[in-house]
Amino acid sequence: MVVLALINNMRVLLVEDEPDLGSAIKRTLNLEKYVVDWVLDGNEAWDYLENQWTQYTLAIIDWMLPGLSGLELCSRLRTRRNPLPILMLTAKDRMEDKVAGLDAGADDYLVKPFGMAELLARLRALQRRSPQFQSKELTVGNLTLDYSNSMVVSQNHQGDKQIISLTNKEFQLLEYFMKHPHQIVTTEQIRNQLWEVSAEPVSNVVAAQIRLLRRRLASSGCGNPIETMHGVGYRLNLTVDILPTVNGGDS
């Protein structure tokens, strides 16, 4: 079985203080399966960017913002050597303004008004150019995420490979664990990464998603590599034995 074709593991920080435009961009990105955190001012955006457990893959930042401006946000990120790809939005269309935005650290520049098709095309172009998107695979232990084909592949001790079919959220959850192998991650950290910060919290949503992922992995002979650290969180431990049969392990 091949994993669902609509997998999108992109998390976007949208910083736009115009309510109508921000809402339209967020709606468009959600339809494309992006997870979007939308904030209205630069100070709040910086708080989001400083959270080491919420890992953004792209940022869309307006130039003129309450609090920190878009230029200041770009400059702060680049001063800290943060390579986050940034698309800057602005009504400023003079050549010197574009130069100032790019020199501050923006990777691309989109002048208002613009069409949503162009916005999406520029985001795709940023993904292609950015070094962080050049890696085609992520491998930890016996599991490999194949980004180019949107697949998860497991390999047993004999070297036999099996494609594991995952939903979009399961893929994102497994990727998050694989980027933090053998580290304890809390329920709150997982929720903040996989769901929009503004989303209505559901008490058991993380536990339910982990239970589904465990079943997928177990049914593919991977055993139960996601450990429950009671009272703390969860940990991906791929040193556990690979099992040939389903292991419930949903606690």
C-alpha atoms as a PDB file:
ATOM      1  CA  MET A   1       0.000   0.000   0.000  1.00  0.00           C
ATOM      2  CA  VAL A   2       1.186   3.508  -0.789  1.00  0.00           C
ATOM      3  CA  VAL A   3       0.766   6.280   1.759  1.00  0.00           C
ATOM      4  CA  LEU A   4      -1.914   8.897   1.023  1.00  0.00           C
ATOM      5  CA  ALA A   5      -0.886  11.327  -1.715  1.00  0.00           C
ATOM      6  CA  LEU A   6      -2.107  14.434   0.101  1.00  0.00           C
ATOM      7  CA  ILE A   7       0.520  14.321   2.838  1.00  0.00           C
ATOM      8  CA  ASN A   8       1.823  17.779   3.665  1.00  0.00           C
ATOM      9  CA  ASN A   9       4.108  18.199   6.649  1.00  0.00           C
ATOM     10  CA  MET A  10       4.533  21.959   6.219  1.00  0.00           C
ATOM     11  CA  ARG A  11       3.874  24.230   9.176  1.00  0.00           C
ATOM     12  CA  VAL A  12       3.641  27.938   8.357  1.00  0.00           C
ATOM     13  CA  LEU A  13       3.816  31.011  10.570  1.00  0.00           C
ATOM     14  CA  LEU A  14       1.652  33.730   9.019  1.00  0.00           C
ATOM     15  CA  VAL A  15       2.234  37.247  10.374  1.00  0.00           C
ATOM     16  CA  GLU A  16      -0.377  39.584   8.889  1.00  0.00           C
ATOM     17  CA  ASP A  17      -2.338  42.315  10.696  1.00  0.00           C
ATOM     18  CA  GLU A  18      -4.986  42.849   8.002  1.00  0.00           C
ATOM     19  CA  PRO A  19      -7.853  40.597   9.153  1.00  0.00           C
ATOM     20  CA  ASP A  20      -9.424  40.018   5.724  1.00  0.00           C
ATOM     21  CA  LEU A  21      -6.136  39.243   4.016  1.00  0.00           C
ATOM     22  CA  GLY A  22      -4.835  37.106   6.860  1.00  0.00           C
ATOM     23  CA  SER A  23      -8.056  35.098   6.935  1.00  0.00           C
ATOM     24  CA  ALA A  24      -7.960  34.572   3.160  1.00  0.00           C
ATOM     25  CA  ILE A  25      -4.337  33.400   3.204  1.00  0.00           C
ATOM     26  CA  LYS A  26      -4.941  31.051   6.115  1.00  0.00           C
ATOM     27  CA  ARG A  27      -8.009  29.564   4.446  1.00  0.00           C
ATOM     28  CA  THR A  28      -6.071  29.020   1.199  1.00  0.00           C
ATOM     29  CA  LEU A  29      -3.155  27.349   2.972  1.00  0.00           C
ATOM     30  CA  ASN A  30      -5.450  25.144   5.038  1.00  0.00           C
ATOM     31  CA  LEU A  31      -7.065  23.900   1.829  1.00  0.00           C
ATOM     32  CA  GLU A  32      -3.567  22.903   0.679  1.00  0.00           C
ATOM     33  CA  LYS A  33      -3.108  20.948   3.948  1.00  0.00           C
ATOM     34  CA  TYR A  34      -0.638  23.376   5.531  1.00  0.00           C
ATOM     35  CA  VAL A  35      -0.790  23.763   9.309  1.00  0.00           C
ATOM     36  CA  VAL A  36      -0.955  27.535   9.850  1.00  0.00           C
ATOM     37  CA  ASP A  37      -0.436  29.680  12.926  1.00  0.00           C
ATOM     38  CA  TRP A  38      -1.701  33.193  12.173  1.00  0.00           C
ATOM     39  CA  VAL A  39      -0.656  36.088  14.397  1.00  0.00           C
ATOM     40  CA  LEU A  40      -1.398  39.799  14.077  1.00  0.00           C
ATOM     41  CA  ASP A  41       1.704  41.515  15.432  1.00  0.00           C
ATOM     42  CA  GLY A  42       5.462  41.174  15.399  1.00  0.00           C
ATOM     43  CA  ASN A  43       5.968  40.669  19.116  1.00  0.00           C
ATOM     44  CA  GLU A  44       3.625  37.679  19.208  1.00  0.00           C
ATOM     45  CA  ALA A  45       5.304  36.297  16.100  1.00  0.00           C
ATOM     46  CA  TRP A  46       8.688  36.449  17.832  1.00  0.00           C
ATOM     47  CA  ASP A  47       7.286  34.551  20.817  1.00  0.00           C
ATOM     48  CA  TYR A  48       6.170  31.786  18.434  1.00  0.00           C
ATOM     49  CA  LEU A  49       9.522  31.713  16.660  1.00  0.00           C
ATOM     50  CA  GLU A  50      11.448  31.401  19.918  1.00  0.00           C
ATOM     51  CA  ASN A  51       9.538  28.256  20.917  1.00  0.00           C
ATOM     52  CA  GLN A  52      12.116  25.564  20.161  1.00  0.00           C
ATOM     53  CA  TRP A  53       9.500  22.795  20.087  1.00  0.00           C
ATOM     54  CA  THR A  54       7.316  24.411  17.428  1.00  0.00           C
ATOM     55  CA  GLN A  55       9.276  23.970  14.233  1.00  0.00           C
ATOM     56  CA  TYR A  56       8.127  26.044  11.281  1.00  0.00           C
ATOM     57  CA  THR A  57       9.038  25.173   7.733  1.00  0.00           C
ATOM     58  CA  LEU A  58       8.052  28.538   6.224  1.00  0.00           C
ATOM     59  CA  ALA A  59       7.110  32.033   7.367  1.00  0.00           C
ATOM     60  CA  ILE A  60       4.948  34.601   5.580  1.00  0.00           C
ATOM     61  CA  ILE A  61       5.609  37.997   7.149  1.00  0.00           C
ATOM     62  CA  ASP A  62       4.030  41.366   6.399  1.00  0.00           C
ATOM     63  CA  TRP A  63       6.387  44.353   6.378  1.00  0.00           C
ATOM     64  CA  MET A  64       4.240  46.799   8.348  1.00  0.00           C
ATOM     65  CA  LEU A  65       3.190  45.268  11.675  1.00  0.00           C
ATOM     66  CA  PRO A  66       2.312  46.428  15.184  1.00  0.00           C
ATOM     67  CA  GLY A  67       5.196  45.820  17.562  1.00  0.00           C
ATOM     68  CA  LEU A  68       8.183  44.425  15.687  1.00  0.00           C
ATOM     69  CA  SER A  69       8.118  45.148  11.966  1.00  0.00           C
ATOM     70  CA  GLY A  70       8.615  42.478   9.344  1.00  0.00           C
ATOM     71  CA  LEU A  71      12.119  43.815   8.712  1.00  0.00           C
ATOM     72  CA  GLU A  72      12.983  43.525  12.404  1.00  0.00           C
ATOM     73  CA  LEU A  73      11.685  39.951  12.544  1.00  0.00           C
ATOM     74  CA  CYS A  74      13.787  38.993   9.521  1.00  0.00           C
ATOM     75  CA  SER A  75      16.880  40.685  10.952  1.00  0.00           C
ATOM     76  CA  ARG A  76      16.492  38.957  14.332  1.00  0.00           C
ATOM     77  CA  LEU A  77      16.128  35.548  12.724  1.00  0.00           C
ATOM     78  CA  ARG A  78      19.171  35.989  10.511  1.00  0.00           C
ATOM     79  CA  THR A  79      21.248  37.408  13.363  1.00  0.00           C
ATOM     80  CA  ARG A  80      20.568  34.144  15.191  1.00  0.00           C
ATOM     81  CA  ARG A  81      21.455  32.212  12.025  1.00  0.00           C
ATOM     82  CA  ASN A  82      17.940  30.867  11.716  1.00  0.00           C
ATOM     83  CA  PRO A  83      17.553  29.641   8.095  1.00  0.00           C
ATOM     84  CA  LEU A  84      13.722  29.664   8.124  1.00  0.00           C
ATOM     85  CA  PRO A  85      12.522  30.507   4.572  1.00  0.00           C
ATOM     86  CA  ILE A  86      10.653  33.835   4.633  1.00  0.00           C
ATOM     87  CA  LEU A  87       8.226  35.304   2.120  1.00  0.00           C
ATOM     88  CA  MET A  88       7.682  38.994   2.809  1.00  0.00           C
ATOM     89  CA  LEU A  89       4.351  40.655   1.977  1.00  0.00           C
ATOM     90  CA  THR A  90       4.101  44.395   1.485  1.00  0.00           C
ATOM     91  CA  ALA A  91       2.428  47.195  -0.400  1.00  0.00           C
ATOM     92  CA  LYS A  92       5.861  48.795  -0.899  1.00  0.00           C
ATOM     93  CA  ASP A  93       6.816  48.262  -4.517  1.00  0.00           C
ATOM     94  CA  ARG A  94       9.821  50.546  -4.968  1.00  0.00           C
ATOM     95  CA  MET A  95      13.098  48.886  -5.917  1.00  0.00           C
ATOM     96  CA  GLU A  96      14.838  50.236  -2.823  1.00  0.00           C
ATOM     97  CA  ASP A  97      12.120  48.738  -0.608  1.00  0.00           C
ATOM     98  CA  LYS A  98      12.557  45.336  -2.202  1.00  0.00           C
ATOM     99  CA  VAL A  99      16.299  45.564  -1.695  1.00  0.00           C
ATOM    100  CA  ALA A 100      15.812  46.517   1.958  1.00  0.00           C
ATOM    101  CA  GLY A 101      13.503  43.541   2.532  1.00  0.00           C
ATOM    102  CA  LEU A 102      15.848  41.068   0.898  1.00  0.00           C
ATOM    103  CA  ASP A 103      18.877  42.513   2.680  1.00  0.00           C
ATOM    104  CA  ALA A 104      17.063  42.165   6.009  1.00  0.00           C
ATOM    105  CA  GLY A 105      16.818  38.430   5.408  1.00  0.00           C
ATOM    106  CA  ALA A 106      13.664  37.774   3.389  1.00  0.00           C
ATOM    107  CA  ASP A 107      14.036  35.057   0.733  1.00  0.00           C
ATOM    108  CA  ASP A 108      11.279  36.358  -1.526  1.00  0.00           C
ATOM    109  CA  TYR A 109       9.100  39.435  -1.807  1.00  0.00           C
ATOM    110  CA  LEU A 110       5.420  39.603  -2.837  1.00  0.00           C
ATOM    111  CA  VAL A 111       3.756  42.954  -3.488  1.00  0.00           C
ATOM    112  CA  LYS A 112       0.114  43.514  -2.508  1.00  0.00           C
ATOM    113  CA  PRO A 113      -2.385  43.007  -4.027  1.00  0.00           C
ATOM    114  CA  PHE A 114      -1.571  39.494  -5.232  1.00  0.00           C
ATOM    115  CA  GLY A 115      -3.378  36.340  -6.278  1.00  0.00           C
ATOM    116  CA  MET A 116      -3.433  33.267  -4.064  1.00  0.00           C
ATOM    117  CA  ALA A 117      -2.148  31.123  -6.939  1.00  0.00           C
ATOM    118  CA  GLU A 118       0.999  33.245  -7.070  1.00  0.00           C
ATOM    119  CA  LEU A 119       1.392  33.036  -3.283  1.00  0.00           C
ATOM    120  CA  LEU A 120       1.250  29.238  -3.401  1.00  0.00           C
ATOM    121  CA  ALA A 121       3.678  29.123  -6.325  1.00  0.00           C
ATOM    122  CA  ARG A 122       6.185  31.282  -4.444  1.00  0.00           C
ATOM    123  CA  LEU A 123       5.913  29.037  -1.376  1.00  0.00           C
ATOM    124  CA  ARG A 124       6.612  25.993  -3.531  1.00  0.00           C
ATOM    125  CA  ALA A 125       9.612  27.776  -5.039  1.00  0.00           C
ATOM    126  CA  LEU A 126      10.932  28.606  -1.561  1.00  0.00           C
ATOM    127  CA  GLN A 127      10.663  24.955  -0.607  1.00  0.00           C
ATOM    128  CA  ARG A 128      12.629  23.888  -3.680  1.00  0.00           C
ATOM    129  CA  ARG A 129      15.412  26.422  -3.062  1.00  0.00           C
ATOM    130  CA  SER A 130      15.778  26.030   0.678  1.00  0.00           C
ATOM    131  CA  PRO A 131      18.608  23.733   1.884  1.00  0.00           C
ATOM    132  CA  GLN A 132      16.384  22.297   4.612  1.00  0.00           C
ATOM    133  CA  PHE A 133      14.130  20.812   1.914  1.00  0.00           C
ATOM    134  CA  GLN A 134      16.963  19.249  -0.100  1.00  0.00           C
ATOM    135  CA  SER A 135      17.029  16.112   2.043  1.00  0.00           C
ATOM    136  CA  LYS A 136      14.805  13.504   0.426  1.00  0.00           C
ATOM    137  CA  GLU A 137      14.775  11.093   3.347  1.00  0.00           C
ATOM    138  CA  LEU A 138      14.839  10.953   7.126  1.00  0.00           C
ATOM    139  CA  THR A 139      16.057   7.664   8.578  1.00  0.00           C
ATOM    140  CA  VAL A 140      16.074   6.643  12.232  1.00  0.00           C
ATOM    141  CA  GLY A 141      16.619   3.030  13.184  1.00  0.00           C
ATOM    142  CA  ASN A 142      14.622   0.790  10.859  1.00  0.00           C
ATOM    143  CA  LEU A 143      12.242   3.532   9.674  1.00  0.00           C
ATOM    144  CA  THR A 144      12.684   5.876   6.717  1.00  0.00           C
ATOM    145  CA  LEU A 145      10.484   8.799   5.717  1.00  0.00           C
ATOM    146  CA  ASP A 146      10.706   9.222   1.956  1.00  0.00           C
ATOM    147  CA  TYR A 147       9.684  12.839   1.341  1.00  0.00           C
ATOM    148  CA  SER A 148       9.924  12.729  -2.432  1.00  0.00           C
ATOM    149  CA  ASN A 149       7.376   9.899  -2.646  1.00  0.00           C
ATOM    150  CA  SER A 150       5.470  10.641   0.589  1.00  0.00           C
ATOM    151  CA  MET A 151       6.113   7.160   1.902  1.00  0.00           C
ATOM    152  CA  VAL A 152       7.219   5.501   5.123  1.00  0.00           C
ATOM    153  CA  VAL A 153       9.379   2.419   4.774  1.00  0.00           C
ATOM    154  CA  SER A 154      10.302  -0.072   7.488  1.00  0.00           C
ATOM    155  CA  GLN A 155      13.119  -2.602   7.248  1.00  0.00           C
ATOM    156  CA  ASN A 156      13.371  -5.766   9.335  1.00  0.00           C
ATOM    157  CA  HIS A 157      16.512  -7.560  10.542  1.00  0.00           C
ATOM    158  CA  GLN A 158      16.646  -9.599   7.342  1.00  0.00           C
ATOM    159  CA  GLY A 159      16.672  -6.441   5.212  1.00  0.00           C
ATOM    160  CA  ASP A 160      13.151  -6.884   3.902  1.00  0.00           C
ATOM    161  CA  LYS A 161      11.378  -3.567   3.334  1.00  0.00           C
ATOM    162  CA  GLN A 162       7.712  -2.729   3.735  1.00  0.00           C
ATOM    163  CA  ILE A 163       5.792   0.427   2.846  1.00  0.00           C
ATOM    164  CA  ILE A 164       3.614   1.665   5.717  1.00  0.00           C
ATOM    165  CA  SER A 165       0.425   3.514   4.827  1.00  0.00           C
ATOM    166  CA  LEU A 166      -0.151   6.565   7.043  1.00  0.00           C
ATOM    167  CA  THR A 167      -2.604   9.440   7.134  1.00  0.00           C
ATOM    168  CA  ASN A 168      -1.370  13.028   6.980  1.00  0.00           C
ATOM    169  CA  LYS A 169      -1.422  13.483  10.778  1.00  0.00           C
ATOM    170  CA  GLU A 170       0.219  10.109  11.404  1.00  0.00           C
ATOM    171  CA  PHE A 171       3.019  11.013   8.988  1.00  0.00           C
ATOM    172  CA  GLN A 172       3.534  14.363  10.741  1.00  0.00           C
ATOM    173  CA  LEU A 173       3.543  12.713  14.165  1.00  0.00           C
ATOM    174  CA  LEU A 174       6.072  10.073  13.143  1.00  0.00           C
ATOM    175  CA  GLU A 175       8.281  12.728  11.555  1.00  0.00           C
ATOM    176  CA  TYR A 176       8.205  14.772  14.768  1.00  0.00           C
ATOM    177  CA  PHE A 177       9.260  11.754  16.828  1.00  0.00           C
ATOM    178  CA  MET A 178      11.985  10.870  14.334  1.00  0.00           C
ATOM    179  CA  LYS A 179      13.396  14.383  14.527  1.00  0.00           C
ATOM    180  CA  HIS A 180      13.616  13.944  18.319  1.00  0.00           C
ATOM    181  CA  PRO A 181      14.617  10.269  18.705  1.00  0.00           C
ATOM    182  CA  HIS A 182      15.080   8.997  22.253  1.00  0.00           C
ATOM    183  CA  GLN A 183      13.948  12.375  23.619  1.00  0.00           C
ATOM    184  CA  ILE A 184      10.922  12.733  25.853  1.00  0.00           C
ATOM    185  CA  VAL A 185       8.328  15.003  24.251  1.00  0.00           C
ATOM    186  CA  THR A 186       5.287  16.187  26.136  1.00  0.00           C
ATOM    187  CA  THR A 187       1.670  16.080  25.055  1.00  0.00           C
ATOM    188  CA  GLU A 188       1.678  19.873  24.851  1.00  0.00           C
ATOM    189  CA  GLN A 189       4.737  19.922  22.589  1.00  0.00           C
ATOM    190  CA  ILE A 190       3.155  17.405  20.227  1.00  0.00           C
ATOM    191  CA  ARG A 191      -0.141  19.300  20.179  1.00  0.00           C
ATOM    192  CA  ASN A 192       1.646  22.595  19.456  1.00  0.00           C
ATOM    193  CA  GLN A 193       3.515  21.056  16.526  1.00  0.00           C
ATOM    194  CA  LEU A 194       0.748  19.076  14.836  1.00  0.00           C
ATOM    195  CA  TRP A 195      -2.220  21.375  15.391  1.00  0.00           C
ATOM    196  CA  GLU A 196      -2.656  25.105  15.064  1.00  0.00           C
ATOM    197  CA  VAL A 197      -2.036  26.939  18.315  1.00  0.00           C
ATOM    198  CA  SER A 198      -5.438  28.641  18.024  1.00  0.00           C
ATOM    199  CA  ALA A 199      -7.259  25.325  17.528  1.00  0.00           C
ATOM    200  CA  GLU A 200      -9.779  24.345  20.170  1.00  0.00           C
ATOM    201  CA  PRO A 201      -7.906  21.917  22.451  1.00  0.00           C
ATOM    202  CA  VAL A 202      -9.236  18.385  22.764  1.00  0.00           C
ATOM    203  CA  SER A 203      -7.985  16.632  25.873  1.00  0.00           C
ATOM    204  CA  ASN A 204      -7.248  13.240  24.319  1.00  0.00           C
ATOM    205  CA  VAL A 205      -6.391  14.212  20.741  1.00  0.00           C
ATOM    206  CA  VAL A 206      -2.661  13.486  21.120  1.00  0.00           C
ATOM    207  CA  ALA A 207      -3.197  10.156  22.895  1.00  0.00           C
ATOM    208  CA  ALA A 208      -5.705   9.120  20.234  1.00  0.00           C
ATOM    209  CA  GLN A 209      -3.315  10.015  17.405  1.00  0.00           C
ATOM    210  CA  ILE A 210      -0.444   8.142  19.046  1.00  0.00           C
ATOM    211  CA  ARG A 211      -2.690   5.115  19.519  1.00  0.00           C
ATOM    212  CA  LEU A 212      -3.501   5.100  15.787  1.00  0.00           C
ATOM    213  CA  LEU A 213       0.161   5.477  14.812  1.00  0.00           C
ATOM    214  CA  ARG A 214       1.173   2.642  17.129  1.00  0.00           C
ATOM    215  CA  ARG A 215      -1.373   0.366  15.494  1.00  0.00           C
ATOM    216  CA  ARG A 216      -0.099   1.243  12.022  1.00  0.00           C
ATOM    217  CA  LEU A 217       3.501   0.538  13.007  1.00  0.00           C
ATOM    218  CA  ALA A 218       2.663  -2.653  14.869  1.00  0.00           C
ATOM    219  CA  SER A 219       0.617  -4.052  11.974  1.00  0.00           C
ATOM    220  CA  SER A 220       3.665  -3.498   9.744  1.00  0.00           C
ATOM    221  CA  GLY A 221       5.959  -5.495  12.025  1.00  0.00           C
ATOM    222  CA  CYS A 222       7.570  -2.536  13.796  1.00  0.00           C
ATOM    223  CA  GLY A 223       6.417  -3.474  17.281  1.00  0.00           C
ATOM    224  CA  ASN A 224       5.701  -0.559  19.600  1.00  0.00           C
ATOM    225  CA  PRO A 225       8.622   1.881  19.404  1.00  0.00           C
ATOM    226  CA  ILE A 226       6.640   4.767  20.955  1.00  0.00           C
ATOM    227  CA  GLU A 227       7.018   4.518  24.715  1.00  0.00           C
ATOM    228  CA  THR A 228       4.678   6.164  27.195  1.00  0.00           C
ATOM    229  CA  MET A 229       6.634   8.007  29.898  1.00  0.00           C
ATOM    230  CA  HIS A 230       3.893   8.154  32.503  1.00  0.00           C
ATOM    231  CA  GLY A 231       3.260  11.637  33.844  1.00  0.00           C
ATOM    232  CA  VAL A 232       5.792  13.140  31.416  1.00  0.00           C
ATOM    233  CA  GLY A 233       5.082  12.369  27.766  1.00  0.00           C
ATOM    234  CA  TYR A 234       6.280   9.998  25.055  1.00  0.00           C
ATOM    235  CA  ARG A 235       9.560   8.816  23.573  1.00  0.00           C
ATOM    236  CA  LEU A 236      10.503   7.164  20.294  1.00  0.00           C
ATOM    237  CA  ASN A 237      12.805   4.246  21.021  1.00  0.00           C
ATOM    238  CA  LEU A 238      13.777   2.445  17.828  1.00  0.00           C
ATOM    239  CA  THR A 239      16.208   0.158  19.627  1.00  0.00           C
ATOM    240  CA  VAL A 240      13.277  -2.030  20.659  1.00  0.00           C
ATOM    241  CA  ASP A 241      12.897  -5.368  18.901  1.00  0.00           C
ATOM    242  CA  ILE A 242      11.045  -5.453  15.603  1.00  0.00           C
ATOM    243  CA  LEU A 243       8.083  -7.757  16.030  1.00  0.00           C
ATOM    244  CA  PRO A 244       6.505  -9.886  13.295  1.00  0.00           C
ATOM    245  CA  THR A 245       2.985  -9.585  14.697  1.00  0.00           C
ATOM    246  CA  VAL A 246       0.639  -6.891  15.965  1.00  0.00           C
ATOM    247  CA  ASN A 247       1.407  -5.566  19.429  1.00  0.00           C
ATOM    248  CA  GLY A 248      -1.488  -3.628  20.980  1.00  0.00           C
ATOM    249  CA  GLY A 249       0.612  -1.372  23.254  1.00  0.00           C
ATOM    250  CA  ASP A 250      -1.911   1.485  23.243  1.00  0.00           C
ATOM    251  CA  SER A 251      -1.440   2.654  26.817  1.00  0.00           C
END
